Amino acid sequence: MRSAFPFLLHLSTLIGIILVSFLTEFHLPIAREVARPVGYGLVAAGFFFSLWAGLHIGKGIFGLVEPRRETLVTNGPYRIVRHPVYFGQTVALIGIAILMRNWLGLALIILVFIPSELYRASREEKALARRFGEEWEAHAERTPFFLPAFSKSSPHP
């Protein structure tokens, strides 16, 4: 059960925030005409970023904390950020909260969801370091943890 805790925490916060965003009425002071395109855009961007990551990691996406793959994935979205699925989920959730104009949903993303993601990601990083050693350390050194770093100097050649 202990190894399942990060997964269950993450999943329950994800579902909870979606439900709060859709089922409560704590409206942000944003016009619906603005909230809809911004929200839909963020949901789509986050969904497709997570999907892109899932296509690169394959069966590894269905794990708990311990890596399921025999090789370390460092291409595609994993060149941009070490945890692209979590980044994409966060962007999509922010989009849902904006789409629904729900300030409580946004607050819960910051106060509950992101900390649960960071907790799970830190547990995964320890497992990846044990499994892939120096290869993981090199990847972690050149690739941002959670937020992409868009600058002129690319993390990879």
C-alpha atoms as a PDB file:
ATOM      1  CA  MET A   1       0.000   0.000   0.000  1.00  0.00           C
ATOM      2  CA  ARG A   2       2.874   2.355   0.800  1.00  0.00           C
ATOM      3  CA  SER A   3       4.133   2.253  -2.802  1.00  0.00           C
ATOM      4  CA  ALA A   4       0.613   2.990  -4.047  1.00  0.00           C
ATOM      5  CA  PHE A   5       0.182   6.048  -1.802  1.00  0.00           C
ATOM      6  CA  PRO A   6       1.749   8.631  -4.189  1.00  0.00           C
ATOM      7  CA  PHE A   7      -0.426   7.333  -7.039  1.00  0.00           C
ATOM      8  CA  LEU A   8      -3.622   7.306  -4.970  1.00  0.00           C
ATOM      9  CA  LEU A   9      -2.916  10.773  -3.558  1.00  0.00           C
ATOM     10  CA  HIS A  10      -2.277  12.156  -7.022  1.00  0.00           C
ATOM     11  CA  LEU A  11      -5.334  10.510  -8.561  1.00  0.00           C
ATOM     12  CA  SER A  12      -7.663  11.576  -5.761  1.00  0.00           C
ATOM     13  CA  THR A  13      -6.501  15.201  -5.918  1.00  0.00           C
ATOM     14  CA  LEU A  14      -6.889  15.202  -9.715  1.00  0.00           C
ATOM     15  CA  ILE A  15     -10.441  13.861  -9.558  1.00  0.00           C
ATOM     16  CA  GLY A  16     -11.341  16.064  -6.595  1.00  0.00           C
ATOM     17  CA  ILE A  17     -10.245  19.261  -8.322  1.00  0.00           C
ATOM     18  CA  ILE A  18     -12.122  18.374 -11.493  1.00  0.00           C
ATOM     19  CA  LEU A  19     -15.266  17.765  -9.433  1.00  0.00           C
ATOM     20  CA  VAL A  20     -14.824  20.975  -7.427  1.00  0.00           C
ATOM     21  CA  SER A  21     -14.278  22.968 -10.612  1.00  0.00           C
ATOM     22  CA  PHE A  22     -17.422  21.600 -12.260  1.00  0.00           C
ATOM     23  CA  LEU A  23     -19.755  21.271  -9.287  1.00  0.00           C
ATOM     24  CA  THR A  24     -19.162  24.407  -7.234  1.00  0.00           C
ATOM     25  CA  GLU A  25     -19.807  28.027  -8.079  1.00  0.00           C
ATOM     26  CA  PHE A  26     -16.912  30.144  -6.884  1.00  0.00           C
ATOM     27  CA  HIS A  27     -16.663  32.363  -9.931  1.00  0.00           C
ATOM     28  CA  LEU A  28     -13.517  34.153 -10.948  1.00  0.00           C
ATOM     29  CA  PRO A  29     -14.108  37.700 -12.139  1.00  0.00           C
ATOM     30  CA  ILE A  30     -13.442  36.695 -15.748  1.00  0.00           C
ATOM     31  CA  ALA A  31     -15.943  37.126 -18.557  1.00  0.00           C
ATOM     32  CA  ARG A  32     -17.220  33.845 -19.971  1.00  0.00           C
ATOM     33  CA  GLU A  33     -16.171  35.066 -23.438  1.00  0.00           C
ATOM     34  CA  VAL A  34     -12.567  35.223 -22.217  1.00  0.00           C
ATOM     35  CA  ALA A  35     -12.616  32.168 -19.931  1.00  0.00           C
ATOM     36  CA  ARG A  36     -13.847  29.757 -22.589  1.00  0.00           C
ATOM     37  CA  PRO A  37     -11.130  30.137 -25.232  1.00  0.00           C
ATOM     38  CA  VAL A  38      -8.365  30.440 -22.620  1.00  0.00           C
ATOM     39  CA  GLY A  39      -9.687  27.451 -20.665  1.00  0.00           C
ATOM     40  CA  TYR A  40     -10.206  25.259 -23.733  1.00  0.00           C
ATOM     41  CA  GLY A  41      -6.771  26.213 -25.037  1.00  0.00           C
ATOM     42  CA  LEU A  42      -5.068  25.269 -21.781  1.00  0.00           C
ATOM     43  CA  VAL A  43      -7.030  22.015 -21.480  1.00  0.00           C
ATOM     44  CA  ALA A  44      -6.068  21.052 -25.040  1.00  0.00           C
ATOM     45  CA  ALA A  45      -2.408  22.066 -24.615  1.00  0.00           C
ATOM     46  CA  GLY A  46      -2.083  20.200 -21.317  1.00  0.00           C
ATOM     47  CA  PHE A  47      -3.874  17.127 -22.626  1.00  0.00           C
ATOM     48  CA  PHE A  48      -1.746  16.918 -25.766  1.00  0.00           C
ATOM     49  CA  PHE A  49       1.490  17.503 -23.839  1.00  0.00           C
ATOM     50  CA  SER A  50       0.586  14.647 -21.469  1.00  0.00           C
ATOM     51  CA  LEU A  51      -0.453  12.469 -24.407  1.00  0.00           C
ATOM     52  CA  TRP A  52       2.843  13.213 -26.177  1.00  0.00           C
ATOM     53  CA  ALA A  53       4.703  12.177 -23.010  1.00  0.00           C
ATOM     54  CA  GLY A  54       2.589   9.038 -22.698  1.00  0.00           C
ATOM     55  CA  LEU A  55       3.414   8.040 -26.266  1.00  0.00           C
ATOM     56  CA  HIS A  56       7.129   8.379 -25.488  1.00  0.00           C
ATOM     57  CA  ILE A  57       7.098   6.496 -22.209  1.00  0.00           C
ATOM     58  CA  GLY A  58       4.659   3.797 -23.343  1.00  0.00           C
ATOM     59  CA  LYS A  59       3.874   1.155 -20.744  1.00  0.00           C
ATOM     60  CA  GLY A  60       5.941   3.098 -18.204  1.00  0.00           C
ATOM     61  CA  ILE A  61       3.060   5.518 -17.715  1.00  0.00           C
ATOM     62  CA  PHE A  62       1.039   2.836 -15.928  1.00  0.00           C
ATOM     63  CA  GLY A  63       3.475   2.397 -13.059  1.00  0.00           C
ATOM     64  CA  LEU A  64       3.337   3.435  -9.464  1.00  0.00           C
ATOM     65  CA  VAL A  65       6.685   4.951  -8.502  1.00  0.00           C
ATOM     66  CA  GLU A  66       9.213   2.347  -9.603  1.00  0.00           C
ATOM     67  CA  PRO A  67      10.207   2.601 -13.273  1.00  0.00           C
ATOM     68  CA  ARG A  68       8.738  -0.127 -15.476  1.00  0.00           C
ATOM     69  CA  ARG A  69      10.958   0.489 -18.494  1.00  0.00           C
ATOM     70  CA  GLU A  70      14.384  -0.988 -19.046  1.00  0.00           C
ATOM     71  CA  THR A  71      15.664   2.229 -20.639  1.00  0.00           C
ATOM     72  CA  LEU A  72      15.502   5.843 -19.522  1.00  0.00           C
ATOM     73  CA  VAL A  73      13.352   8.035 -21.782  1.00  0.00           C
ATOM     74  CA  THR A  74      15.076  11.357 -22.502  1.00  0.00           C
ATOM     75  CA  ASN A  75      13.602  12.295 -25.880  1.00  0.00           C
ATOM     76  CA  GLY A  76      10.421  14.080 -26.959  1.00  0.00           C
ATOM     77  CA  PRO A  77       8.820  15.992 -24.074  1.00  0.00           C
ATOM     78  CA  TYR A  78      11.349  14.428 -21.703  1.00  0.00           C
ATOM     79  CA  ARG A  79      13.955  16.678 -23.334  1.00  0.00           C
ATOM     80  CA  ILE A  80      11.935  19.705 -22.207  1.00  0.00           C
ATOM     81  CA  VAL A  81      11.017  18.690 -18.646  1.00  0.00           C
ATOM     82  CA  ARG A  82      11.639  15.595 -16.482  1.00  0.00           C
ATOM     83  CA  HIS A  83       7.940  15.191 -15.590  1.00  0.00           C
ATOM     84  CA  PRO A  84       5.949  16.168 -18.702  1.00  0.00           C
ATOM     85  CA  VAL A  85       2.840  14.161 -17.783  1.00  0.00           C
ATOM     86  CA  TYR A  86       2.507  16.080 -14.521  1.00  0.00           C
ATOM     87  CA  PHE A  87       3.222  19.379 -16.226  1.00  0.00           C
ATOM     88  CA  GLY A  88       0.549  18.638 -18.847  1.00  0.00           C
ATOM     89  CA  GLN A  89      -1.973  17.582 -16.199  1.00  0.00           C
ATOM     90  CA  THR A  90      -1.384  20.803 -14.283  1.00  0.00           C
ATOM     91  CA  VAL A  91      -1.877  22.937 -17.394  1.00  0.00           C
ATOM     92  CA  ALA A  92      -5.081  21.042 -18.267  1.00  0.00           C
ATOM     93  CA  LEU A  93      -6.444  21.384 -14.716  1.00  0.00           C
ATOM     94  CA  ILE A  94      -5.728  25.110 -14.731  1.00  0.00           C
ATOM     95  CA  GLY A  95      -7.617  25.232 -18.015  1.00  0.00           C
ATOM     96  CA  ILE A  96     -10.611  23.454 -16.483  1.00  0.00           C
ATOM     97  CA  ALA A  97     -10.684  25.840 -13.514  1.00  0.00           C
ATOM     98  CA  ILE A  98     -10.477  28.856 -15.839  1.00  0.00           C
ATOM     99  CA  LEU A  99     -13.074  27.407 -18.206  1.00  0.00           C
ATOM    100  CA  MET A 100     -15.435  26.947 -15.266  1.00  0.00           C
ATOM    101  CA  ARG A 101     -14.310  30.321 -13.844  1.00  0.00           C
ATOM    102  CA  ASN A 102     -13.748  28.607 -10.507  1.00  0.00           C
ATOM    103  CA  TRP A 103     -11.300  30.286  -8.122  1.00  0.00           C
ATOM    104  CA  LEU A 104     -11.585  27.408  -5.619  1.00  0.00           C
ATOM    105  CA  GLY A 105     -10.422  24.981  -8.296  1.00  0.00           C
ATOM    106  CA  LEU A 106      -7.413  27.209  -9.022  1.00  0.00           C
ATOM    107  CA  ALA A 107      -6.620  27.503  -5.319  1.00  0.00           C
ATOM    108  CA  LEU A 108      -6.799  23.720  -4.863  1.00  0.00           C
ATOM    109  CA  ILE A 109      -4.468  23.209  -7.813  1.00  0.00           C
ATOM    110  CA  ILE A 110      -1.882  25.378  -6.081  1.00  0.00           C
ATOM    111  CA  LEU A 111      -2.495  24.170  -2.522  1.00  0.00           C
ATOM    112  CA  VAL A 112      -3.188  20.461  -3.066  1.00  0.00           C
ATOM    113  CA  PHE A 113      -2.598  19.177  -6.606  1.00  0.00           C
ATOM    114  CA  ILE A 114       0.840  20.627  -7.307  1.00  0.00           C
ATOM    115  CA  PRO A 115       2.197  19.505  -3.909  1.00  0.00           C
ATOM    116  CA  SER A 116       0.850  15.984  -4.570  1.00  0.00           C
ATOM    117  CA  GLU A 117       2.543  15.987  -7.981  1.00  0.00           C
ATOM    118  CA  LEU A 118       5.807  17.222  -6.517  1.00  0.00           C
ATOM    119  CA  TYR A 119       5.664  14.532  -3.842  1.00  0.00           C
ATOM    120  CA  ARG A 120       5.065  11.788  -6.399  1.00  0.00           C
ATOM    121  CA  ALA A 121       7.698  13.181  -8.762  1.00  0.00           C
ATOM    122  CA  SER A 122      10.308  13.321  -5.996  1.00  0.00           C
ATOM    123  CA  ARG A 123       9.592   9.673  -5.134  1.00  0.00           C
ATOM    124  CA  GLU A 124       9.902   8.756  -8.806  1.00  0.00           C
ATOM    125  CA  GLU A 125      13.184  10.637  -9.072  1.00  0.00           C
ATOM    126  CA  LYS A 126      14.676   8.598  -6.228  1.00  0.00           C
ATOM    127  CA  ALA A 127      13.551   5.384  -7.922  1.00  0.00           C
ATOM    128  CA  LEU A 128      14.927   6.541 -11.289  1.00  0.00           C
ATOM    129  CA  ALA A 129      18.268   7.429  -9.677  1.00  0.00           C
ATOM    130  CA  ARG A 130      18.466   3.932  -8.141  1.00  0.00           C
ATOM    131  CA  ARG A 131      17.573   2.255 -11.431  1.00  0.00           C
ATOM    132  CA  PHE A 132      19.543   4.333 -13.942  1.00  0.00           C
ATOM    133  CA  GLY A 133      22.336   5.837 -11.829  1.00  0.00           C
ATOM    134  CA  GLU A 134      24.671   8.165 -13.731  1.00  0.00           C
ATOM    135  CA  GLU A 135      22.447   8.231 -16.801  1.00  0.00           C
ATOM    136  CA  TRP A 136      19.602   9.621 -14.673  1.00  0.00           C
ATOM    137  CA  GLU A 137      21.895  12.085 -12.907  1.00  0.00           C
ATOM    138  CA  ALA A 138      23.096  13.472 -16.266  1.00  0.00           C
ATOM    139  CA  HIS A 139      19.519  13.797 -17.524  1.00  0.00           C
ATOM    140  CA  ALA A 140      18.401  15.460 -14.273  1.00  0.00           C
ATOM    141  CA  GLU A 141      21.283  17.926 -14.458  1.00  0.00           C
ATOM    142  CA  ARG A 142      20.433  19.145 -17.964  1.00  0.00           C
ATOM    143  CA  THR A 143      16.595  18.943 -17.851  1.00  0.00           C
ATOM    144  CA  PRO A 144      14.265  21.089 -15.706  1.00  0.00           C
ATOM    145  CA  PHE A 145      12.272  19.263 -13.027  1.00  0.00           C
ATOM    146  CA  PHE A 146       8.670  20.371 -13.585  1.00  0.00           C
ATOM    147  CA  LEU A 147       8.482  23.680 -15.439  1.00  0.00           C
ATOM    148  CA  PRO A 148      10.014  23.961 -18.903  1.00  0.00           C
ATOM    149  CA  ALA A 149      12.862  26.458 -19.152  1.00  0.00           C
ATOM    150  CA  PHE A 150      12.495  28.282 -22.427  1.00  0.00           C
ATOM    151  CA  SER A 151      15.732  30.072 -23.117  1.00  0.00           C
ATOM    152  CA  LYS A 152      18.237  30.530 -25.903  1.00  0.00           C
ATOM    153  CA  SER A 153      20.502  27.896 -24.411  1.00  0.00           C
ATOM    154  CA  SER A 154      18.757  24.574 -24.987  1.00  0.00           C
ATOM    155  CA  PRO A 155      19.169  21.851 -22.358  1.00  0.00           C
ATOM    156  CA  HIS A 156      20.306  19.466 -25.133  1.00  0.00           C
ATOM    157  CA  PRO A 157      22.427  19.909 -28.222  1.00  0.00           C
END
